[in-house]
Amino acid sequence: MLKRPRAVMPAGIRRELEAAGLLQAFRLRPPYQRNDYLHWIARAVRPGTRRKRIEQMLAELKAGGVYMGMLHRPSER
């Protein structure tokens, strides 16, 4: 059960994930992580901050084993 309302993925984020080949990696993350990423990006006020957060999410998905700057056990694939 998520503590926050479920975030809807914006089309722009979906395109970024697809372009990077990381949509499946995103979907394999636990629901709370997917939700946290989307809410965190949406809370960015400045476009530069939003861009930085998207880049961090993409880098963490690509690397695996990292979530919001912290080590975590990789999701089962």
Protein backbone atom coordinates (compact mmCIF):
# COMPACT_ATOMS: atom_id res chain seq x y z
CA MET A 1 0.00 0.00 0.00
CA LEU A 2 1.41 3.39 -1.02
CA LYS A 3 1.40 6.21 1.52
CA ARG A 4 1.03 8.88 -1.18
CA PRO A 5 -1.48 9.02 -3.99
CA ARG A 6 -0.35 7.06 -7.02
CA ALA A 7 1.46 9.36 -9.45
CA VAL A 8 0.48 9.36 -13.09
CA MET A 9 3.47 9.14 -15.40
CA PRO A 10 3.69 12.24 -17.60
CA ALA A 11 4.07 11.54 -21.31
CA GLY A 12 7.41 13.38 -21.34
CA ILE A 13 8.87 11.10 -18.66
CA ARG A 14 7.60 8.04 -20.54
CA ARG A 15 9.29 9.28 -23.72
CA GLU A 16 12.56 9.84 -21.83
CA LEU A 17 12.44 6.32 -20.37
CA GLU A 18 11.63 4.79 -23.76
CA ALA A 19 14.37 6.78 -25.54
CA ALA A 20 16.91 5.61 -22.96
CA GLY A 21 15.67 2.01 -23.14
CA LEU A 22 14.82 2.11 -19.43
CA LEU A 23 11.03 1.82 -19.33
CA GLN A 24 11.23 -1.86 -18.38
CA ALA A 25 13.81 -1.11 -15.67
CA PHE A 26 11.41 1.52 -14.30
CA ARG A 27 8.49 -0.93 -14.34
CA LEU A 28 10.56 -3.52 -12.47
CA ARG A 29 11.09 -1.17 -9.55
CA PRO A 30 8.74 -1.57 -6.56
CA PRO A 31 5.62 0.62 -6.71
CA TYR A 32 6.83 2.93 -3.93
CA GLN A 33 10.05 3.68 -5.86
CA ARG A 34 8.21 4.42 -9.09
CA ASN A 35 5.82 6.66 -7.20
CA ASP A 36 8.62 8.43 -5.32
CA TYR A 37 10.54 9.17 -8.52
CA LEU A 38 7.49 10.64 -10.25
CA HIS A 39 6.42 12.78 -7.28
CA TRP A 40 10.01 13.96 -6.71
CA ILE A 41 10.36 15.06 -10.32
CA ALA A 42 6.92 16.74 -10.29
CA ARG A 43 7.81 18.77 -7.17
CA ALA A 44 10.72 20.48 -8.94
CA VAL A 45 9.97 24.18 -9.36
CA ARG A 46 12.77 25.13 -11.73
CA PRO A 47 13.20 23.48 -15.12
CA GLY A 48 16.89 22.90 -14.36
CA THR A 49 16.03 21.06 -11.15
CA ARG A 50 13.46 18.95 -12.97
CA ARG A 51 16.04 18.07 -15.63
CA LYS A 52 18.63 17.16 -12.98
CA ARG A 53 16.14 14.87 -11.23
CA ILE A 54 15.17 13.15 -14.47
CA GLU A 55 18.85 12.59 -15.26
CA GLN A 56 19.44 11.15 -11.78
CA MET A 57 16.50 8.77 -12.15
CA LEU A 58 17.73 7.62 -15.57
CA ALA A 59 21.28 7.11 -14.28
CA GLU A 60 20.04 5.11 -11.29
CA LEU A 61 17.82 2.93 -13.45
CA LYS A 62 20.70 2.30 -15.83
CA ALA A 63 23.12 1.47 -13.02
CA GLY A 64 20.69 -0.67 -11.03
CA GLY A 65 21.10 -1.18 -7.32
CA VAL A 66 20.68 2.55 -6.61
CA TYR A 67 17.52 4.37 -5.51
CA MET A 68 17.46 8.09 -4.71
CA GLY A 69 21.20 8.11 -4.17
CA MET A 70 21.12 5.11 -1.82
CA LEU A 71 22.16 1.54 -2.42
CA HIS A 72 19.31 -0.93 -2.62
CA ARG A 73 18.93 -4.54 -3.55
CA PRO A 74 18.25 -4.70 -7.30
CA SER A 75 14.75 -5.71 -8.34
CA GLU A 76 14.22 -9.26 -9.60
CA ARG A 77 14.30 -9.36 -13.40
